[in-house]
Structures are given as structure tokens and as C-alpha cells.
Full PDB file with SEQRES, HELIX, SHEET, SSBOND, CRYST1, ORIGX, SCALE, CONECT and MASTER records, all heavy atoms in Angstrom:
SEQRES   1 A   39  ALA ALA MET ASP THR ALA VAL LYS VAL LEU THR ALA GLY          
SEQRES   2 A   39  ILE THR SER LYS ASP ASP ALA VAL LYS ARG ALA SER VAL          
SEQRES   3 A   39  ARG ALA LEU LEU ASP LEU LYS PRO GLY PRO ALA LYS VAL          
HELIX    1 AA1 ALA A    2  ILE A   14  1                                  13    
HELIX    2 AA2 ASP A   19  LEU A   32  1                                  14    
CRYST1    1.000    1.000    1.000  90.00  90.00  90.00 P 1           1          
ORIGX1      1.000000  0.000000  0.000000        0.00000                         
ORIGX2      0.000000  1.000000  0.000000        0.00000                         
ORIGX3      0.000000  0.000000  1.000000        0.00000                         
SCALE1      1.000000  0.000000  0.000000        0.00000                         
SCALE2      0.000000  1.000000  0.000000        0.00000                         
SCALE3      0.000000  0.000000  1.000000        0.00000                         
ATOM      1  N   ALA A   1       8.655  11.692  -2.918  1.00  0.00           N  
ATOM      2  CA  ALA A   1       9.001  11.157  -1.596  1.00  0.00           C  
ATOM      3  C   ALA A   1       7.737  10.751  -0.839  1.00  0.00           C  
ATOM      4  O   ALA A   1       7.734   9.731  -0.137  1.00  0.00           O  
ATOM      5  CB  ALA A   1       9.802  12.188  -0.795  1.00  0.00           C  
ATOM      6  N   ALA A   2       6.675  11.530  -0.966  1.00  0.00           N  
ATOM      7  CA  ALA A   2       5.409  11.177  -0.307  1.00  0.00           C  
ATOM      8  C   ALA A   2       4.860   9.875  -0.888  1.00  0.00           C  
ATOM      9  O   ALA A   2       4.344   9.028  -0.146  1.00  0.00           O  
ATOM     10  CB  ALA A   2       4.391  12.302  -0.456  1.00  0.00           C  
ATOM     11  N   MET A   3       4.981   9.709  -2.193  1.00  0.00           N  
ATOM     12  CA  MET A   3       4.522   8.471  -2.830  1.00  0.00           C  
ATOM     13  C   MET A   3       5.362   7.290  -2.357  1.00  0.00           C  
ATOM     14  O   MET A   3       4.825   6.225  -2.034  1.00  0.00           O  
ATOM     15  CB  MET A   3       4.582   8.586  -4.356  1.00  0.00           C  
ATOM     16  CG  MET A   3       4.138   7.328  -5.080  1.00  0.00           C  
ATOM     17  SD  MET A   3       2.405   6.895  -4.812  1.00  0.00           S  
ATOM     18  CE  MET A   3       1.622   8.029  -5.943  1.00  0.00           C  
ATOM     19  N   ASP A   4       6.678   7.472  -2.290  1.00  0.00           N  
ATOM     20  CA  ASP A   4       7.547   6.385  -1.835  1.00  0.00           C  
ATOM     21  C   ASP A   4       7.234   5.985  -0.394  1.00  0.00           C  
ATOM     22  O   ASP A   4       7.196   4.802  -0.066  1.00  0.00           O  
ATOM     23  CB  ASP A   4       9.023   6.784  -1.963  1.00  0.00           C  
ATOM     24  CG  ASP A   4       9.488   6.842  -3.417  1.00  0.00           C  
ATOM     25  OD1 ASP A   4       8.789   6.300  -4.304  1.00  0.00           O  
ATOM     26  OD2 ASP A   4      10.558   7.436  -3.663  1.00  0.00           O  
ATOM     27  N   THR A   5       6.998   6.981   0.458  1.00  0.00           N  
ATOM     28  CA  THR A   5       6.633   6.692   1.842  1.00  0.00           C  
ATOM     29  C   THR A   5       5.310   5.928   1.894  1.00  0.00           C  
ATOM     30  O   THR A   5       5.177   4.945   2.630  1.00  0.00           O  
ATOM     31  CB  THR A   5       6.527   7.997   2.669  1.00  0.00           C  
ATOM     32  OG1 THR A   5       7.810   8.622   2.682  1.00  0.00           O  
ATOM     33  CG2 THR A   5       6.062   7.725   4.083  1.00  0.00           C  
ATOM     34  N   ALA A   6       4.342   6.381   1.104  1.00  0.00           N  
ATOM     35  CA  ALA A   6       3.042   5.707   1.084  1.00  0.00           C  
ATOM     36  C   ALA A   6       3.197   4.259   0.630  1.00  0.00           C  
ATOM     37  O   ALA A   6       2.633   3.353   1.248  1.00  0.00           O  
ATOM     38  CB  ALA A   6       2.069   6.456   0.185  1.00  0.00           C  
ATOM     39  N   VAL A   7       3.951   4.027  -0.436  1.00  0.00           N  
ATOM     40  CA  VAL A   7       4.137   2.662  -0.932  1.00  0.00           C  
ATOM     41  C   VAL A   7       4.789   1.792   0.147  1.00  0.00           C  
ATOM     42  O   VAL A   7       4.378   0.654   0.371  1.00  0.00           O  
ATOM     43  CB  VAL A   7       4.960   2.650  -2.245  1.00  0.00           C  
ATOM     44  CG1 VAL A   7       5.377   1.232  -2.623  1.00  0.00           C  
ATOM     45  CG2 VAL A   7       4.153   3.281  -3.369  1.00  0.00           C  
ATOM     46  N   LYS A   8       5.755   2.348   0.858  1.00  0.00           N  
ATOM     47  CA  LYS A   8       6.435   1.599   1.928  1.00  0.00           C  
ATOM     48  C   LYS A   8       5.450   1.236   3.042  1.00  0.00           C  
ATOM     49  O   LYS A   8       5.387   0.083   3.482  1.00  0.00           O  
ATOM     50  CB  LYS A   8       7.586   2.431   2.483  1.00  0.00           C  
ATOM     51  CG  LYS A   8       8.372   1.750   3.562  1.00  0.00           C  
ATOM     52  CD  LYS A   8       9.507   2.641   4.042  1.00  0.00           C  
ATOM     53  CE  LYS A   8      10.233   1.992   5.204  1.00  0.00           C  
ATOM     54  NZ  LYS A   8      11.268   2.861   5.760  1.00  0.00           N  
ATOM     55  N   VAL A   9       4.666   2.212   3.486  1.00  0.00           N  
ATOM     56  CA  VAL A   9       3.699   1.975   4.564  1.00  0.00           C  
ATOM     57  C   VAL A   9       2.613   0.998   4.111  1.00  0.00           C  
ATOM     58  O   VAL A   9       2.231   0.085   4.844  1.00  0.00           O  
ATOM     59  CB  VAL A   9       3.077   3.302   5.044  1.00  0.00           C  
ATOM     60  CG1 VAL A   9       1.905   3.067   5.987  1.00  0.00           C  
ATOM     61  CG2 VAL A   9       4.136   4.166   5.721  1.00  0.00           C  
ATOM     62  N   LEU A  10       2.122   1.185   2.892  1.00  0.00           N  
ATOM     63  CA  LEU A  10       1.043   0.333   2.389  1.00  0.00           C  
ATOM     64  C   LEU A  10       1.528  -1.089   2.130  1.00  0.00           C  
ATOM     65  O   LEU A  10       0.788  -2.048   2.343  1.00  0.00           O  
ATOM     66  CB  LEU A  10       0.425   0.955   1.137  1.00  0.00           C  
ATOM     67  CG  LEU A  10      -0.191   2.346   1.369  1.00  0.00           C  
ATOM     68  CD1 LEU A  10      -0.644   2.952   0.055  1.00  0.00           C  
ATOM     69  CD2 LEU A  10      -1.316   2.288   2.371  1.00  0.00           C  
ATOM     70  N   THR A  11       2.764  -1.227   1.682  1.00  0.00           N  
ATOM     71  CA  THR A  11       3.337  -2.559   1.483  1.00  0.00           C  
ATOM     72  C   THR A  11       3.438  -3.280   2.818  1.00  0.00           C  
ATOM     73  O   THR A  11       3.097  -4.463   2.919  1.00  0.00           O  
ATOM     74  CB  THR A  11       4.720  -2.463   0.815  1.00  0.00           C  
ATOM     75  OG1 THR A  11       4.571  -1.823  -0.449  1.00  0.00           O  
ATOM     76  CG2 THR A  11       5.336  -3.828   0.607  1.00  0.00           C  
ATOM     77  N   ALA A  12       3.871  -2.561   3.844  1.00  0.00           N  
ATOM     78  CA  ALA A  12       3.923  -3.161   5.184  1.00  0.00           C  
ATOM     79  C   ALA A  12       2.512  -3.526   5.642  1.00  0.00           C  
ATOM     80  O   ALA A  12       2.310  -4.569   6.264  1.00  0.00           O  
ATOM     81  CB  ALA A  12       4.579  -2.188   6.164  1.00  0.00           C  
ATOM     82  N   GLY A  13       1.541  -2.702   5.310  1.00  0.00           N  
ATOM     83  CA  GLY A  13       0.157  -2.968   5.693  1.00  0.00           C  
ATOM     84  C   GLY A  13      -0.401  -4.235   5.088  1.00  0.00           C  
ATOM     85  O   GLY A  13      -1.230  -4.916   5.691  1.00  0.00           O  
ATOM     86  N   ILE A  14       0.057  -4.561   3.905  1.00  0.00           N  
ATOM     87  CA  ILE A  14      -0.419  -5.779   3.234  1.00  0.00           C  
ATOM     88  C   ILE A  14      -0.024  -7.027   4.008  1.00  0.00           C  
ATOM     89  O   ILE A  14      -0.709  -8.042   3.954  1.00  0.00           O  
ATOM     90  CB  ILE A  14       0.098  -5.826   1.774  1.00  0.00           C  
ATOM     91  CG1 ILE A  14      -0.644  -4.783   0.939  1.00  0.00           C  
ATOM     92  CG2 ILE A  14      -0.075  -7.203   1.165  1.00  0.00           C  
ATOM     93  CD1 ILE A  14      -0.119  -4.612  -0.459  1.00  0.00           C  
ATOM     94  N   THR A  15       1.047  -6.950   4.772  1.00  0.00           N  
ATOM     95  CA  THR A  15       1.492  -8.112   5.544  1.00  0.00           C  
ATOM     96  C   THR A  15       1.003  -8.067   6.994  1.00  0.00           C  
ATOM     97  O   THR A  15       1.434  -8.876   7.812  1.00  0.00           O  
ATOM     98  CB  THR A  15       3.034  -8.211   5.521  1.00  0.00           C  
ATOM     99  OG1 THR A  15       3.587  -7.036   6.124  1.00  0.00           O  
ATOM    100  CG2 THR A  15       3.549  -8.353   4.100  1.00  0.00           C  
ATOM    101  N   SER A  16       0.114  -7.164   7.295  1.00  0.00           N  
ATOM    102  CA  SER A  16      -0.430  -7.024   8.650  1.00  0.00           C  
ATOM    103  C   SER A  16      -1.200  -8.271   9.070  1.00  0.00           C  
ATOM    104  O   SER A  16      -1.721  -9.017   8.232  1.00  0.00           O  
ATOM    105  CB  SER A  16      -1.371  -5.815   8.701  1.00  0.00           C  
ATOM    106  OG  SER A  16      -2.055  -5.762   9.926  1.00  0.00           O  
ATOM    107  N   LYS A  17      -1.314  -8.458  10.361  1.00  0.00           N  
ATOM    108  CA  LYS A  17      -2.156  -9.531  10.897  1.00  0.00           C  
ATOM    109  C   LYS A  17      -3.625  -9.132  10.874  1.00  0.00           C  
ATOM    110  O   LYS A  17      -4.503  -9.968  11.002  1.00  0.00           O  
ATOM    111  CB  LYS A  17      -1.730  -9.881  12.317  1.00  0.00           C  
ATOM    112  CG  LYS A  17      -0.358 -10.514  12.378  1.00  0.00           C  
ATOM    113  CD  LYS A  17       0.044 -10.838  13.789  1.00  0.00           C  
ATOM    114  CE  LYS A  17       1.439 -11.460  13.770  1.00  0.00           C  
ATOM    115  NZ  LYS A  17       1.927 -11.731  15.111  1.00  0.00           N  
ATOM    116  N   ASP A  18      -3.877  -7.848  10.717  1.00  0.00           N  
ATOM    117  CA  ASP A  18      -5.235  -7.297  10.721  1.00  0.00           C  
ATOM    118  C   ASP A  18      -5.769  -7.261   9.281  1.00  0.00           C  
ATOM    119  O   ASP A  18      -5.234  -6.539   8.428  1.00  0.00           O  
ATOM    120  CB  ASP A  18      -5.199  -5.893  11.319  1.00  0.00           C  
ATOM    121  CG  ASP A  18      -6.563  -5.252  11.447  1.00  0.00           C  
ATOM    122  OD1 ASP A  18      -7.473  -5.586  10.659  1.00  0.00           O  
ATOM    123  OD2 ASP A  18      -6.715  -4.375  12.315  1.00  0.00           O  
ATOM    124  N   ASP A  19      -6.798  -8.039   9.007  1.00  0.00           N  
ATOM    125  CA  ASP A  19      -7.338  -8.109   7.648  1.00  0.00           C  
ATOM    126  C   ASP A  19      -7.872  -6.773   7.156  1.00  0.00           C  
ATOM    127  O   ASP A  19      -7.787  -6.466   5.966  1.00  0.00           O  
ATOM    128  CB  ASP A  19      -8.431  -9.180   7.551  1.00  0.00           C  
ATOM    129  CG  ASP A  19      -7.864 -10.599   7.574  1.00  0.00           C  
ATOM    130  OD1 ASP A  19      -6.658 -10.768   7.297  1.00  0.00           O  
ATOM    131  OD2 ASP A  19      -8.629 -11.527   7.862  1.00  0.00           O  
ATOM    132  N   ALA A  20      -8.413  -5.942   8.034  1.00  0.00           N  
ATOM    133  CA  ALA A  20      -8.904  -4.625   7.621  1.00  0.00           C  
ATOM    134  C   ALA A  20      -7.747  -3.754   7.150  1.00  0.00           C  
ATOM    135  O   ALA A  20      -7.878  -3.009   6.174  1.00  0.00           O  
ATOM    136  CB  ALA A  20      -9.657  -3.950   8.767  1.00  0.00           C  
ATOM    137  N   VAL A  21      -6.608  -3.855   7.812  1.00  0.00           N  
ATOM    138  CA  VAL A  21      -5.418  -3.099   7.407  1.00  0.00           C  
ATOM    139  C   VAL A  21      -4.930  -3.607   6.049  1.00  0.00           C  
ATOM    140  O   VAL A  21      -4.564  -2.819   5.173  1.00  0.00           O  
ATOM    141  CB  VAL A  21      -4.309  -3.192   8.473  1.00  0.00           C  
ATOM    142  CG1 VAL A  21      -3.001  -2.595   7.975  1.00  0.00           C  
ATOM    143  CG2 VAL A  21      -4.752  -2.496   9.762  1.00  0.00           C  
ATOM    144  N   LYS A  22      -4.956  -4.931   5.868  1.00  0.00           N  
ATOM    145  CA  LYS A  22      -4.538  -5.512   4.589  1.00  0.00           C  
ATOM    146  C   LYS A  22      -5.401  -4.972   3.440  1.00  0.00           C  
ATOM    147  O   LYS A  22      -4.891  -4.529   2.414  1.00  0.00           O  
ATOM    148  CB  LYS A  22      -4.655  -7.038   4.610  1.00  0.00           C  
ATOM    149  CG  LYS A  22      -3.649  -7.731   5.459  1.00  0.00           C  
ATOM    150  CD  LYS A  22      -3.904  -9.237   5.408  1.00  0.00           C  
ATOM    151  CE  LYS A  22      -3.053  -9.976   6.389  1.00  0.00           C  
ATOM    152  NZ  LYS A  22      -3.286 -11.420   6.341  1.00  0.00           N  
ATOM    153  N   ARG A  23      -6.725  -5.028   3.633  1.00  0.00           N  
ATOM    154  CA  ARG A  23      -7.634  -4.575   2.574  1.00  0.00           C  
ATOM    155  C   ARG A  23      -7.464  -3.087   2.305  1.00  0.00           C  
ATOM    156  O   ARG A  23      -7.424  -2.668   1.144  1.00  0.00           O  
ATOM    157  CB  ARG A  23      -9.076  -4.908   2.944  1.00  0.00           C  
ATOM    158  CG  ARG A  23      -9.405  -6.386   2.856  1.00  0.00           C  
ATOM    159  CD  ARG A  23     -10.898  -6.656   2.992  1.00  0.00           C  
ATOM    160  NE  ARG A  23     -11.420  -6.259   4.280  1.00  0.00           N  
ATOM    161  CZ  ARG A  23     -11.487  -7.044   5.350  1.00  0.00           C  
ATOM    162  NH1 ARG A  23     -11.039  -8.290   5.279  1.00  0.00           N  
ATOM    163  NH2 ARG A  23     -11.989  -6.603   6.479  1.00  0.00           N  
ATOM    164  N   ALA A  24      -7.350  -2.303   3.349  1.00  0.00           N  
ATOM    165  CA  ALA A  24      -7.177  -0.853   3.178  1.00  0.00           C  
ATOM    166  C   ALA A  24      -5.867  -0.563   2.451  1.00  0.00           C  
ATOM    167  O   ALA A  24      -5.808   0.342   1.609  1.00  0.00           O  
ATOM    168  CB  ALA A  24      -7.203  -0.149   4.531  1.00  0.00           C  
ATOM    169  N   SER A  25      -4.835  -1.326   2.739  1.00  0.00           N  
ATOM    170  CA  SER A  25      -3.535  -1.117   2.092  1.00  0.00           C  
ATOM    171  C   SER A  25      -3.607  -1.412   0.600  1.00  0.00           C  
ATOM    172  O   SER A  25      -3.081  -0.655  -0.223  1.00  0.00           O  
ATOM    173  CB  SER A  25      -2.468  -1.985   2.759  1.00  0.00           C  
ATOM    174  OG  SER A  25      -2.286  -1.602   4.101  1.00  0.00           O  
ATOM    175  N   VAL A  26      -4.265  -2.503   0.243  1.00  0.00           N  
ATOM    176  CA  VAL A  26      -4.416  -2.848  -1.178  1.00  0.00           C  
ATOM    177  C   VAL A  26      -5.219  -1.769  -1.897  1.00  0.00           C  
ATOM    178  O   VAL A  26      -4.831  -1.283  -2.957  1.00  0.00           O  
ATOM    179  CB  VAL A  26      -5.075  -4.235  -1.359  1.00  0.00           C  
ATOM    180  CG1 VAL A  26      -5.451  -4.478  -2.813  1.00  0.00           C  
ATOM    181  CG2 VAL A  26      -4.135  -5.326  -0.874  1.00  0.00           C  
ATOM    182  N   ARG A  27      -6.347  -1.369  -1.303  1.00  0.00           N  
ATOM    183  CA  ARG A  27      -7.187  -0.342  -1.929  1.00  0.00           C  
ATOM    184  C   ARG A  27      -6.422   0.968  -2.105  1.00  0.00           C  
ATOM    185  O   ARG A  27      -6.536   1.628  -3.138  1.00  0.00           O  
ATOM    186  CB  ARG A  27      -8.441  -0.102  -1.100  1.00  0.00           C  
ATOM    187  CG  ARG A  27      -9.444  -1.211  -1.206  1.00  0.00           C  
ATOM    188  CD  ARG A  27     -10.753  -0.846  -0.502  1.00  0.00           C  
ATOM    189  NE  ARG A  27     -11.528  -2.039  -0.284  1.00  0.00           N  
ATOM    190  CZ  ARG A  27     -11.886  -2.512   0.898  1.00  0.00           C  
ATOM    191  NH1 ARG A  27     -11.556  -1.876   1.993  1.00  0.00           N  
ATOM    192  NH2 ARG A  27     -12.590  -3.612   0.992  1.00  0.00           N  
ATOM    193  N   ALA A  28      -5.653   1.338  -1.086  1.00  0.00           N  
ATOM    194  CA  ALA A  28      -4.898   2.591  -1.156  1.00  0.00           C  
ATOM    195  C   ALA A  28      -3.837   2.527  -2.249  1.00  0.00           C  
ATOM    196  O   ALA A  28      -3.651   3.486  -3.001  1.00  0.00           O  
ATOM    197  CB  ALA A  28      -4.269   2.902   0.191  1.00  0.00           C  
ATOM    198  N   LEU A  29      -3.157   1.396  -2.351  1.00  0.00           N  
ATOM    199  CA  LEU A  29      -2.160   1.246  -3.414  1.00  0.00           C  
ATOM    200  C   LEU A  29      -2.811   1.363  -4.791  1.00  0.00           C  
ATOM    201  O   LEU A  29      -2.278   2.013  -5.687  1.00  0.00           O  
ATOM    202  CB  LEU A  29      -1.455  -0.106  -3.308  1.00  0.00           C  
ATOM    203  CG  LEU A  29      -0.255  -0.163  -2.393  1.00  0.00           C  
ATOM    204  CD1 LEU A  29       0.204  -1.604  -2.212  1.00  0.00           C  
ATOM    205  CD2 LEU A  29       0.888   0.687  -2.913  1.00  0.00           C  
ATOM    206  N   LEU A  30      -3.959   0.740  -4.948  1.00  0.00           N  
ATOM    207  CA  LEU A  30      -4.652   0.803  -6.231  1.00  0.00           C  
ATOM    208  C   LEU A  30      -5.056   2.238  -6.554  1.00  0.00           C  
ATOM    209  O   LEU A  30      -4.954   2.683  -7.684  1.00  0.00           O  
ATOM    210  CB  LEU A  30      -5.900  -0.077  -6.211  1.00  0.00           C  
ATOM    211  CG  LEU A  30      -5.670  -1.554  -5.988  1.00  0.00           C  
ATOM    212  CD1 LEU A  30      -6.985  -2.306  -5.976  1.00  0.00           C  
ATOM    213  CD2 LEU A  30      -4.751  -2.110  -7.035  1.00  0.00           C  
ATOM    214  N   ASP A  31      -5.510   2.969  -5.564  1.00  0.00           N  
ATOM    215  CA  ASP A  31      -5.950   4.336  -5.771  1.00  0.00           C  
ATOM    216  C   ASP A  31      -4.782   5.254  -6.125  1.00  0.00           C  
ATOM    217  O   ASP A  31      -4.922   6.124  -6.981  1.00  0.00           O  
ATOM    218  CB  ASP A  31      -6.665   4.868  -4.535  1.00  0.00           C  
ATOM    219  CG  ASP A  31      -7.136   6.291  -4.737  1.00  0.00           C  
ATOM    220  OD1 ASP A  31      -8.070   6.483  -5.550  1.00  0.00           O  
ATOM    221  OD2 ASP A  31      -6.552   7.207  -4.125  1.00  0.00           O  
ATOM    222  N   LEU A  32      -3.634   5.055  -5.491  1.00  0.00           N  
ATOM    223  CA  LEU A  32      -2.492   5.936  -5.731  1.00  0.00           C  
ATOM    224  C   LEU A  32      -1.846   5.713  -7.097  1.00  0.00           C  
ATOM    225  O   LEU A  32      -1.206   6.609  -7.628  1.00  0.00           O  
ATOM    226  CB  LEU A  32      -1.451   5.769  -4.626  1.00  0.00           C  
ATOM    227  CG  LEU A  32      -1.861   6.280  -3.248  1.00  0.00           C  
ATOM    228  CD1 LEU A  32      -0.756   5.994  -2.237  1.00  0.00           C  
ATOM    229  CD2 LEU A  32      -2.186   7.767  -3.287  1.00  0.00           C  
ATOM    230  N   LYS A  33      -1.985   4.514  -7.628  1.00  0.00           N  
ATOM    231  CA  LYS A  33      -1.413   4.177  -8.934  1.00  0.00           C  
ATOM    232  C   LYS A  33       0.065   4.586  -9.025  1.00  0.00           C  
ATOM    233  O   LYS A  33       0.447   5.387  -9.879  1.00  0.00           O  
ATOM    234  CB  LYS A  33      -2.214   4.854 -10.056  1.00  0.00           C  
ATOM    235  CG  LYS A  33      -3.648   4.400 -10.118  1.00  0.00           C  
ATOM    236  CD  LYS A  33      -4.392   5.127 -11.235  1.00  0.00           C  
ATOM    237  CE  LYS A  33      -5.779   4.610 -11.356  1.00  0.00           C  
ATOM    238  NZ  LYS A  33      -6.774   5.237 -10.571  1.00  0.00           N  
ATOM    239  N   PRO A  34       0.909   4.018  -8.155  1.00  0.00           N  
ATOM    240  CA  PRO A  34       2.319   4.398  -8.184  1.00  0.00           C  
ATOM    241  C   PRO A  34       3.092   3.798  -9.360  1.00  0.00           C  
ATOM    242  O   PRO A  34       4.268   4.073  -9.522  1.00  0.00           O  
ATOM    243  CB  PRO A  34       2.848   3.866  -6.853  1.00  0.00           C  
ATOM    244  CG  PRO A  34       1.972   2.712  -6.544  1.00  0.00           C  
ATOM    245  CD  PRO A  34       0.618   3.077  -7.086  1.00  0.00           C  
ATOM    246  N   GLY A  35       2.439   2.995 -10.153  1.00  0.00           N  
ATOM    247  CA  GLY A  35       3.091   2.378 -11.315  1.00  0.00           C  
ATOM    248  C   GLY A  35       3.424   0.929 -11.019  1.00  0.00           C  
ATOM    249  O   GLY A  35       3.664   0.551  -9.877  1.00  0.00           O  
ATOM    250  N   PRO A  36       3.427   0.102 -12.066  1.00  0.00           N  
ATOM    251  CA  PRO A  36       3.643  -1.342 -11.894  1.00  0.00           C  
ATOM    252  C   PRO A  36       4.937  -1.688 -11.174  1.00  0.00           C  
ATOM    253  O   PRO A  36       4.968  -2.607 -10.374  1.00  0.00           O  
ATOM    254  CB  PRO A  36       3.651  -1.886 -13.324  1.00  0.00           C  
ATOM    255  CG  PRO A  36       2.930  -0.881 -14.127  1.00  0.00           C  
ATOM    256  CD  PRO A  36       3.158   0.445 -13.462  1.00  0.00           C  
ATOM    257  N   ALA A  37       6.019  -0.962 -11.440  1.00  0.00           N  
ATOM    258  CA  ALA A  37       7.300  -1.298 -10.822  1.00  0.00           C  
ATOM    259  C   ALA A  37       7.223  -1.207  -9.305  1.00  0.00           C  
ATOM    260  O   ALA A  37       7.879  -1.974  -8.597  1.00  0.00           O  
ATOM    261  CB  ALA A  37       8.398  -0.380 -11.343  1.00  0.00           C  
ATOM    262  N   LYS A  38       6.422  -0.287  -8.792  1.00  0.00           N  
ATOM    263  CA  LYS A  38       6.307  -0.128  -7.348  1.00  0.00           C  
ATOM    264  C   LYS A  38       5.178  -0.964  -6.761  1.00  0.00           C  
ATOM    265  O   LYS A  38       5.288  -1.467  -5.652  1.00  0.00           O  
ATOM    266  CB  LYS A  38       6.069   1.343  -6.998  1.00  0.00           C  
ATOM    267  CG  LYS A  38       7.279   2.205  -7.220  1.00  0.00           C  
ATOM    268  CD  LYS A  38       7.018   3.630  -6.798  1.00  0.00           C  
ATOM    269  CE  LYS A  38       8.249   4.476  -7.063  1.00  0.00           C  
ATOM    270  NZ  LYS A  38       8.070   5.850  -6.635  1.00  0.00           N  
ATOM    271  N   VAL A  39       4.092  -1.106  -7.498  1.00  0.00           N  
ATOM    272  CA  VAL A  39       2.916  -1.740  -6.913  1.00  0.00           C  
ATOM    273  C   VAL A  39       2.929  -3.264  -7.031  1.00  0.00           C  
ATOM    274  O   VAL A  39       2.439  -3.956  -6.145  1.00  0.00           O  
ATOM    275  CB  VAL A  39       1.621  -1.133  -7.491  1.00  0.00           C  
ATOM    276  CG1 VAL A  39       1.300  -1.663  -8.868  1.00  0.00           C  
ATOM    277  CG2 VAL A  39       0.456  -1.360  -6.569  1.00  0.00           C  
TER     278      VAL A  39                                                      
MASTER        0    0    0    2    0    0    0    6  277    1    0    3          
END                                                                             
């Protein structure tokens, strides 16, 4: 559930207007390695 919440928040972050949030979201997703189906 924590992973699913993170993927949801980070996915939303990728569409942010703030480029720093976008980059942080991509990096966080890569670090968490939730699997190809989710990422």
C-alpha cells in the first residue's frame, strides 16, 4: 500500500508545473523500482 501510494503521488508529480517536482518524481520512481507495470 505504501508503494502504491508513492507511485500515485510520484505519477502526479511527473505532471507538475514545477520542473524540480517533475525531476524528483522521476528519480524517486526509479529508486523505488515498483516494477515495469507500475512505472
